[in-house]
Amino acid sequence: MITVARRAGLGVMLGCKTESALGVTAMAQLAPLADWLDLDGHLGLKDDPFTGAVNDRGRIVLPGDPGLGARLCPDSVIPWEE
């Protein structure tokens, strides 16, 4: 979609309203390709089940872990019961 937008002479914005840190971290991987970013939707979530990209004084800092770097919070795992 970014390539199509660029070919059409359009700008590109990546954003979210209420996305978890998992989604924000995935979108942040594409940040260098965008003109504008609004990736703070996870900051308003009461119980975000993931950790990942963080905002540091207006900068998006990606985690250094493998893959996206986002991780499921241990407290968010619901034990399986039969």
PDB file of N, CA and C in Angstrom:
ATOM      1  N   MET A   1       0.821  -1.171   0.000  1.00  0.00           N
ATOM      2  CA  MET A   1       0.000   0.000   0.000  1.00  0.00           C
ATOM      3  C   MET A   1       0.876   1.250   0.000  1.00  0.00           C
ATOM      4  N   ILE A   2       1.978   1.197   0.713  1.00  0.00           N
ATOM      5  CA  ILE A   2       2.868   2.359   0.746  1.00  0.00           C
ATOM      6  C   ILE A   2       3.427   2.628  -0.648  1.00  0.00           C
ATOM      7  N   THR A   3       3.807   1.580  -1.357  1.00  0.00           N
ATOM      8  CA  THR A   3       4.332   1.743  -2.710  1.00  0.00           C
ATOM      9  C   THR A   3       3.284   2.356  -3.634  1.00  0.00           C
ATOM     10  N   VAL A   4       2.059   1.888  -3.549  1.00  0.00           N
ATOM     11  CA  VAL A   4       0.975   2.433  -4.378  1.00  0.00           C
ATOM     12  C   VAL A   4       0.734   3.895  -4.035  1.00  0.00           C
ATOM     13  N   ALA A   5       0.727   4.228  -2.752  1.00  0.00           N
ATOM     14  CA  ALA A   5       0.524   5.612  -2.341  1.00  0.00           C
ATOM     15  C   ALA A   5       1.641   6.506  -2.878  1.00  0.00           C
ATOM     16  N   ARG A   6       2.855   6.058  -2.789  1.00  0.00           N
ATOM     17  CA  ARG A   6       3.994   6.839  -3.282  1.00  0.00           C
ATOM     18  C   ARG A   6       3.898   7.061  -4.791  1.00  0.00           C
ATOM     19  N   ARG A   7       3.533   6.016  -5.526  1.00  0.00           N
ATOM     20  CA  ARG A   7       3.394   6.143  -6.984  1.00  0.00           C
ATOM     21  C   ARG A   7       2.291   7.121  -7.360  1.00  0.00           C
ATOM     22  N   ALA A   8       1.284   7.242  -6.490  1.00  0.00           N
ATOM     23  CA  ALA A   8       0.189   8.182  -6.734  1.00  0.00           C
ATOM     24  C   ALA A   8       0.509   9.580  -6.223  1.00  0.00           C
ATOM     25  N   GLY A   9       1.710   9.760  -5.673  1.00  0.00           N
ATOM     26  CA  GLY A   9       2.106  11.069  -5.164  1.00  0.00           C
ATOM     27  C   GLY A   9       1.512  11.423  -3.816  1.00  0.00           C
ATOM     28  N   LEU A  10       1.071  10.424  -3.086  1.00  0.00           N
ATOM     29  CA  LEU A  10       0.448  10.658  -1.779  1.00  0.00           C
ATOM     30  C   LEU A  10       1.453  10.500  -0.640  1.00  0.00           C
ATOM     31  N   GLY A  11       1.171  11.171   0.464  1.00  0.00           N
ATOM     32  CA  GLY A  11       1.927  10.970   1.689  1.00  0.00           C
ATOM     33  C   GLY A  11       1.409   9.737   2.404  1.00  0.00           C
ATOM     34  N   VAL A  12       2.169   9.268   3.373  1.00  0.00           N
ATOM     35  CA  VAL A  12       1.809   8.057   4.105  1.00  0.00           C
ATOM     36  C   VAL A  12       1.831   8.338   5.595  1.00  0.00           C
ATOM     37  N   MET A  13       0.741   7.945   6.264  1.00  0.00           N
ATOM     38  CA  MET A  13       0.665   8.061   7.720  1.00  0.00           C
ATOM     39  C   MET A  13       0.340   6.693   8.294  1.00  0.00           C
ATOM     40  N   LEU A  14       1.021   6.328   9.355  1.00  0.00           N
ATOM     41  CA  LEU A  14       0.707   5.110  10.103  1.00  0.00           C
ATOM     42  C   LEU A  14       0.126   5.546  11.438  1.00  0.00           C
ATOM     43  N   GLY A  15      -1.017   4.985  11.790  1.00  0.00           N
ATOM     44  CA  GLY A  15      -1.634   5.387  13.044  1.00  0.00           C
ATOM     45  C   GLY A  15      -2.567   4.325  13.574  1.00  0.00           C
ATOM     46  N   CYS A  16      -3.026   4.561  14.781  1.00  0.00           N
ATOM     47  CA  CYS A  16      -3.958   3.647  15.424  1.00  0.00           C
ATOM     48  C   CYS A  16      -4.766   4.408  16.458  1.00  0.00           C
ATOM     49  N   LYS A  17      -5.885   3.831  16.836  1.00  0.00           N
ATOM     50  CA  LYS A  17      -6.731   4.431  17.867  1.00  0.00           C
ATOM     51  C   LYS A  17      -6.546   3.689  19.188  1.00  0.00           C
ATOM     52  N   THR A  18      -6.841   2.421  19.180  1.00  0.00           N
ATOM     53  CA  THR A  18      -6.690   1.616  20.401  1.00  0.00           C
ATOM     54  C   THR A  18      -6.059   0.284  20.041  1.00  0.00           C
ATOM     55  N   GLU A  19      -4.827   0.324  19.668  1.00  0.00           N
ATOM     56  CA  GLU A  19      -4.078  -0.873  19.302  1.00  0.00           C
ATOM     57  C   GLU A  19      -3.187  -1.271  20.475  1.00  0.00           C
ATOM     58  N   SER A  20      -2.958  -2.558  20.639  1.00  0.00           N
ATOM     59  CA  SER A  20      -2.063  -3.020  21.701  1.00  0.00           C
ATOM     60  C   SER A  20      -0.613  -2.737  21.312  1.00  0.00           C
ATOM     61  N   ALA A  21       0.281  -2.945  22.252  1.00  0.00           N
ATOM     62  CA  ALA A  21       1.706  -2.760  21.975  1.00  0.00           C
ATOM     63  C   ALA A  21       2.180  -3.712  20.885  1.00  0.00           C
ATOM     64  N   LEU A  22       1.511  -4.846  20.723  1.00  0.00           N
ATOM     65  CA  LEU A  22       1.868  -5.779  19.659  1.00  0.00           C
ATOM     66  C   LEU A  22       1.660  -5.127  18.293  1.00  0.00           C
ATOM     67  N   GLY A  23       0.492  -4.560  18.064  1.00  0.00           N
ATOM     68  CA  GLY A  23       0.200  -3.899  16.791  1.00  0.00           C
ATOM     69  C   GLY A  23       1.047  -2.667  16.557  1.00  0.00           C
ATOM     70  N   VAL A  24       1.248  -1.879  17.601  1.00  0.00           N
ATOM     71  CA  VAL A  24       2.073  -0.671  17.486  1.00  0.00           C
ATOM     72  C   VAL A  24       3.512  -1.047  17.144  1.00  0.00           C
ATOM     73  N   THR A  25       4.024  -2.089  17.765  1.00  0.00           N
ATOM     74  CA  THR A  25       5.395  -2.522  17.494  1.00  0.00           C
ATOM     75  C   THR A  25       5.526  -3.007  16.055  1.00  0.00           C
ATOM     76  N   ALA A  26       4.519  -3.715  15.559  1.00  0.00           N
ATOM     77  CA  ALA A  26       4.542  -4.171  14.166  1.00  0.00           C
ATOM     78  C   ALA A  26       4.514  -2.974  13.215  1.00  0.00           C
ATOM     79  N   MET A  27       3.641  -2.009  13.461  1.00  0.00           N
ATOM     80  CA  MET A  27       3.574  -0.822  12.597  1.00  0.00           C
ATOM     81  C   MET A  27       4.850   0.001  12.676  1.00  0.00           C
ATOM     82  N   ALA A  28       5.451   0.062  13.841  1.00  0.00           N
ATOM     83  CA  ALA A  28       6.663   0.866  14.016  1.00  0.00           C
ATOM     84  C   ALA A  28       7.813   0.339  13.162  1.00  0.00           C
ATOM     85  N   GLN A  29       7.770  -0.936  12.792  1.00  0.00           N
ATOM     86  CA  GLN A  29       8.803  -1.485  11.911  1.00  0.00           C
ATOM     87  C   GLN A  29       8.800  -0.790  10.549  1.00  0.00           C
ATOM     88  N   LEU A  30       7.648  -0.248  10.163  1.00  0.00           N
ATOM     89  CA  LEU A  30       7.502   0.440   8.879  1.00  0.00           C
ATOM     90  C   LEU A  30       7.692   1.949   8.988  1.00  0.00           C
ATOM     91  N   ALA A  31       7.999   2.432  10.170  1.00  0.00           N
ATOM     92  CA  ALA A  31       8.110   3.878  10.408  1.00  0.00           C
ATOM     93  C   ALA A  31       9.021   4.612   9.429  1.00  0.00           C
ATOM     94  N   PRO A  32      10.164   4.062   9.038  1.00  0.00           N
ATOM     95  CA  PRO A  32      11.025   4.797   8.110  1.00  0.00           C
ATOM     96  C   PRO A  32      10.388   5.049   6.744  1.00  0.00           C
ATOM     97  N   LEU A  33       9.344   4.308   6.413  1.00  0.00           N
ATOM     98  CA  LEU A  33       8.690   4.464   5.119  1.00  0.00           C
ATOM     99  C   LEU A  33       7.553   5.471   5.148  1.00  0.00           C
ATOM    100  N   ALA A  34       7.202   5.969   6.333  1.00  0.00           N
ATOM    101  CA  ALA A  34       6.053   6.868   6.482  1.00  0.00           C
ATOM    102  C   ALA A  34       6.492   8.319   6.654  1.00  0.00           C
ATOM    103  N   ASP A  35       5.567   9.214   6.328  1.00  0.00           N
ATOM    104  CA  ASP A  35       5.806  10.647   6.532  1.00  0.00           C
ATOM    105  C   ASP A  35       5.371  11.100   7.921  1.00  0.00           C
ATOM    106  N   TRP A  36       4.300  10.483   8.420  1.00  0.00           N
ATOM    107  CA  TRP A  36       3.760  10.849   9.723  1.00  0.00           C
ATOM    108  C   TRP A  36       3.445   9.593  10.519  1.00  0.00           C
ATOM    109  N   LEU A  37       3.615   9.677  11.823  1.00  0.00           N
ATOM    110  CA  LEU A  37       3.319   8.555  12.715  1.00  0.00           C
ATOM    111  C   LEU A  37       2.407   9.013  13.837  1.00  0.00           C
ATOM    112  N   ASP A  38       1.440   8.189  14.173  1.00  0.00           N
ATOM    113  CA  ASP A  38       0.587   8.391  15.338  1.00  0.00           C
ATOM    114  C   ASP A  38       0.412   7.021  15.980  1.00  0.00           C
ATOM    115  N   LEU A  39       1.452   6.580  16.649  1.00  0.00           N
ATOM    116  CA  LEU A  39       1.484   5.217  17.185  1.00  0.00           C
ATOM    117  C   LEU A  39       1.506   5.220  18.706  1.00  0.00           C
ATOM    118  N   ASP A  40       0.505   5.853  19.292  1.00  0.00           N
ATOM    119  CA  ASP A  40       0.444   5.913  20.747  1.00  0.00           C
ATOM    120  C   ASP A  40      -0.841   5.302  21.306  1.00  0.00           C
ATOM    121  N   GLY A  41      -1.576   4.572  20.475  1.00  0.00           N
ATOM    122  CA  GLY A  41      -2.852   3.997  20.909  1.00  0.00           C
ATOM    123  C   GLY A  41      -2.734   3.054  22.082  1.00  0.00           C
ATOM    124  N   HIS A  42      -1.621   2.373  22.193  1.00  0.00           N
ATOM    125  CA  HIS A  42      -1.439   1.411  23.292  1.00  0.00           C
ATOM    126  C   HIS A  42      -1.255   2.101  24.639  1.00  0.00           C
ATOM    127  N   LEU A  43      -0.893   3.370  24.623  1.00  0.00           N
ATOM    128  CA  LEU A  43      -0.663   4.072  25.885  1.00  0.00           C
ATOM    129  C   LEU A  43      -1.953   4.305  26.666  1.00  0.00           C
ATOM    130  N   GLY A  44      -3.089   4.285  25.974  1.00  0.00           N
ATOM    131  CA  GLY A  44      -4.365   4.507  26.648  1.00  0.00           C
ATOM    132  C   GLY A  44      -5.060   3.237  27.094  1.00  0.00           C
ATOM    133  N   LEU A  45      -4.473   2.095  26.814  1.00  0.00           N
ATOM    134  CA  LEU A  45      -5.094   0.837  27.213  1.00  0.00           C
ATOM    135  C   LEU A  45      -4.865   0.565  28.695  1.00  0.00           C
ATOM    136  N   LYS A  46      -5.910   0.167  29.371  1.00  0.00           N
ATOM    137  CA  LYS A  46      -5.799  -0.106  30.804  1.00  0.00           C
ATOM    138  C   LYS A  46      -4.948  -1.348  31.054  1.00  0.00           C
ATOM    139  N   ASP A  47      -5.216  -2.417  30.322  1.00  0.00           N
ATOM    140  CA  ASP A  47      -4.516  -3.685  30.544  1.00  0.00           C
ATOM    141  C   ASP A  47      -3.975  -4.213  29.222  1.00  0.00           C
ATOM    142  N   ASP A  48      -2.952  -3.574  28.707  1.00  0.00           N
ATOM    143  CA  ASP A  48      -2.332  -4.042  27.466  1.00  0.00           C
ATOM    144  C   ASP A  48      -1.651  -5.375  27.753  1.00  0.00           C
ATOM    145  N   PRO A  49      -2.027  -6.435  27.055  1.00  0.00           N
ATOM    146  CA  PRO A  49      -1.425  -7.737  27.337  1.00  0.00           C
ATOM    147  C   PRO A  49      -0.016  -7.911  26.770  1.00  0.00           C
ATOM    148  N   PHE A  50       0.496  -6.899  26.064  1.00  0.00           N
ATOM    149  CA  PHE A  50       1.807  -7.018  25.427  1.00  0.00           C
ATOM    150  C   PHE A  50       2.744  -5.894  25.858  1.00  0.00           C
ATOM    151  N   THR A  51       4.025  -6.153  25.726  1.00  0.00           N
ATOM    152  CA  THR A  51       5.045  -5.120  25.819  1.00  0.00           C
ATOM    153  C   THR A  51       5.729  -5.072  24.461  1.00  0.00           C
ATOM    154  N   GLY A  52       6.304  -3.936  24.138  1.00  0.00           N
ATOM    155  CA  GLY A  52       6.967  -3.806  22.842  1.00  0.00           C
ATOM    156  C   GLY A  52       7.566  -2.420  22.705  1.00  0.00           C
ATOM    157  N   ALA A  53       7.272  -1.767  21.588  1.00  0.00           N
ATOM    158  CA  ALA A  53       7.785  -0.428  21.347  1.00  0.00           C
ATOM    159  C   ALA A  53       7.310   0.513  22.456  1.00  0.00           C
ATOM    160  N   VAL A  54       8.173   1.427  22.836  1.00  0.00           N
ATOM    161  CA  VAL A  54       7.824   2.415  23.863  1.00  0.00           C
ATOM    162  C   VAL A  54       8.068   3.816  23.314  1.00  0.00           C
ATOM    163  N   ASN A  55       7.367   4.763  23.890  1.00  0.00           N
ATOM    164  CA  ASN A  55       7.589   6.168  23.562  1.00  0.00           C
ATOM    165  C   ASN A  55       8.553   6.750  24.575  1.00  0.00           C
ATOM    166  N   ASP A  56       9.622   7.327  24.085  1.00  0.00           N
ATOM    167  CA  ASP A  56      10.615   7.964  24.939  1.00  0.00           C
ATOM    168  C   ASP A  56      10.771   9.407  24.498  1.00  0.00           C
ATOM    169  N   ARG A  57      10.085  10.299  25.191  1.00  0.00           N
ATOM    170  CA  ARG A  57      10.120  11.736  24.883  1.00  0.00           C
ATOM    171  C   ARG A  57       9.806  12.012  23.414  1.00  0.00           C
ATOM    172  N   GLY A  58       8.745  11.350  22.923  1.00  0.00           N
ATOM    173  CA  GLY A  58       8.302  11.581  21.554  1.00  0.00           C
ATOM    174  C   GLY A  58       8.966  10.700  20.513  1.00  0.00           C
ATOM    175  N   ARG A  59       9.892   9.873  20.916  1.00  0.00           N
ATOM    176  CA  ARG A  59      10.562   8.952  19.986  1.00  0.00           C
ATOM    177  C   ARG A  59      10.033   7.540  20.207  1.00  0.00           C
ATOM    178  N   ILE A  60       9.843   6.816  19.126  1.00  0.00           N
ATOM    179  CA  ILE A  60       9.445   5.419  19.223  1.00  0.00           C
ATOM    180  C   ILE A  60      10.717   4.585  19.299  1.00  0.00           C
ATOM    181  N   VAL A  61      10.839   3.824  20.371  1.00  0.00           N
ATOM    182  CA  VAL A  61      12.011   2.976  20.573  1.00  0.00           C
ATOM    183  C   VAL A  61      11.573   1.528  20.442  1.00  0.00           C
ATOM    184  N   LEU A  62      12.166   0.828  19.476  1.00  0.00           N
ATOM    185  CA  LEU A  62      11.825  -0.571  19.247  1.00  0.00           C
ATOM    186  C   LEU A  62      12.590  -1.476  20.212  1.00  0.00           C
ATOM    187  N   PRO A  63      11.970  -2.578  20.629  1.00  0.00           N
ATOM    188  CA  PRO A  63      12.670  -3.531  21.491  1.00  0.00           C
ATOM    189  C   PRO A  63      13.770  -4.244  20.708  1.00  0.00           C
ATOM    190  N   GLY A  64      14.748  -4.753  21.405  1.00  0.00           N
ATOM    191  CA  GLY A  64      15.867  -5.424  20.761  1.00  0.00           C
ATOM    192  C   GLY A  64      15.720  -6.932  20.671  1.00  0.00           C
ATOM    193  N   ASP A  65      14.579  -7.462  21.103  1.00  0.00           N
ATOM    194  CA  ASP A  65      14.369  -8.907  21.064  1.00  0.00           C
ATOM    195  C   ASP A  65      14.176  -9.391  19.625  1.00  0.00           C
ATOM    196  N   PRO A  66      14.338 -10.690  19.374  1.00  0.00           N
ATOM    197  CA  PRO A  66      14.150 -11.226  18.025  1.00  0.00           C
ATOM    198  C   PRO A  66      12.730 -11.005  17.507  1.00  0.00           C
ATOM    199  N   GLY A  67      12.584 -11.052  16.190  1.00  0.00           N
ATOM    200  CA  GLY A  67      11.273 -10.859  15.568  1.00  0.00           C
ATOM    201  C   GLY A  67      10.818  -9.436  15.757  1.00  0.00           C
ATOM    202  N   LEU A  68       9.553  -9.243  16.027  1.00  0.00           N
ATOM    203  CA  LEU A  68       9.039  -7.895  16.285  1.00  0.00           C
ATOM    204  C   LEU A  68       9.578  -7.334  17.593  1.00  0.00           C
ATOM    205  N   GLY A  69       9.891  -8.222  18.516  1.00  0.00           N
ATOM    206  CA  GLY A  69      10.357  -7.779  19.821  1.00  0.00           C
ATOM    207  C   GLY A  69       9.243  -7.623  20.835  1.00  0.00           C
ATOM    208  N   ALA A  70       7.995  -7.685  20.381  1.00  0.00           N
ATOM    209  CA  ALA A  70       6.862  -7.598  21.301  1.00  0.00           C
ATOM    210  C   ALA A  70       6.735  -8.915  22.051  1.00  0.00           C
ATOM    211  N   ARG A  71       6.309  -8.829  23.282  1.00  0.00           N
ATOM    212  CA  ARG A  71       6.170 -10.022  24.117  1.00  0.00           C
ATOM    213  C   ARG A  71       4.843  -9.980  24.870  1.00  0.00           C
ATOM    214  N   LEU A  72       4.271 -11.153  25.084  1.00  0.00           N
ATOM    215  CA  LEU A  72       3.072 -11.294  25.895  1.00  0.00           C
ATOM    216  C   LEU A  72       3.459 -11.141  27.359  1.00  0.00           C
ATOM    217  N   CYS A  73       2.757 -10.310  28.087  1.00  0.00           N
ATOM    218  CA  CYS A  73       3.040 -10.129  29.514  1.00  0.00           C
ATOM    219  C   CYS A  73       2.678 -11.415  30.266  1.00  0.00           C
ATOM    220  N   PRO A  74       3.543 -11.887  31.135  1.00  0.00           N
ATOM    221  CA  PRO A  74       3.268 -13.139  31.858  1.00  0.00           C
ATOM    222  C   PRO A  74       1.948 -13.109  32.623  1.00  0.00           C
ATOM    223  N   ASP A  75       1.578 -11.961  33.168  1.00  0.00           N
ATOM    224  CA  ASP A  75       0.336 -11.867  33.932  1.00  0.00           C
ATOM    225  C   ASP A  75      -0.905 -11.973  33.052  1.00  0.00           C
ATOM    226  N   SER A  76      -0.737 -11.838  31.743  1.00  0.00           N
ATOM    227  CA  SER A  76      -1.867 -11.880  30.817  1.00  0.00           C
ATOM    228  C   SER A  76      -2.217 -13.285  30.380  1.00  0.00           C
ATOM    229  N   VAL A  77      -1.357 -14.238  30.693  1.00  0.00           N
ATOM    230  CA  VAL A  77      -1.605 -15.620  30.263  1.00  0.00           C
ATOM    231  C   VAL A  77      -2.641 -16.239  31.187  1.00  0.00           C
ATOM    232  N   ILE A  78      -3.693 -16.753  30.579  1.00  0.00           N
ATOM    233  CA  ILE A  78      -4.756 -17.406  31.346  1.00  0.00           C
ATOM    234  C   ILE A  78      -4.451 -18.899  31.347  1.00  0.00           C
ATOM    235  N   PRO A  79      -4.287 -19.510  32.510  1.00  0.00           N
ATOM    236  CA  PRO A  79      -3.961 -20.934  32.560  1.00  0.00           C
ATOM    237  C   PRO A  79      -5.078 -21.785  31.951  1.00  0.00           C
ATOM    238  N   TRP A  80      -4.662 -22.823  31.249  1.00  0.00           N
ATOM    239  CA  TRP A  80      -5.615 -23.735  30.628  1.00  0.00           C
ATOM    240  C   TRP A  80      -6.117 -24.728  31.654  1.00  0.00           C
ATOM    241  N   GLU A  81      -7.433 -24.869  31.734  1.00  0.00           N
ATOM    242  CA  GLU A  81      -8.015 -25.845  32.655  1.00  0.00           C
ATOM    243  C   GLU A  81      -8.969 -26.724  31.872  1.00  0.00           C
ATOM    244  N   GLU A  82      -8.930 -28.022  32.147  1.00  0.00           N
ATOM    245  CA  GLU A  82      -9.857 -28.938  31.493  1.00  0.00           C
ATOM    246  C   GLU A  82     -10.999 -29.271  32.392  1.00  0.00           C
TER     247      GLU A  82
END
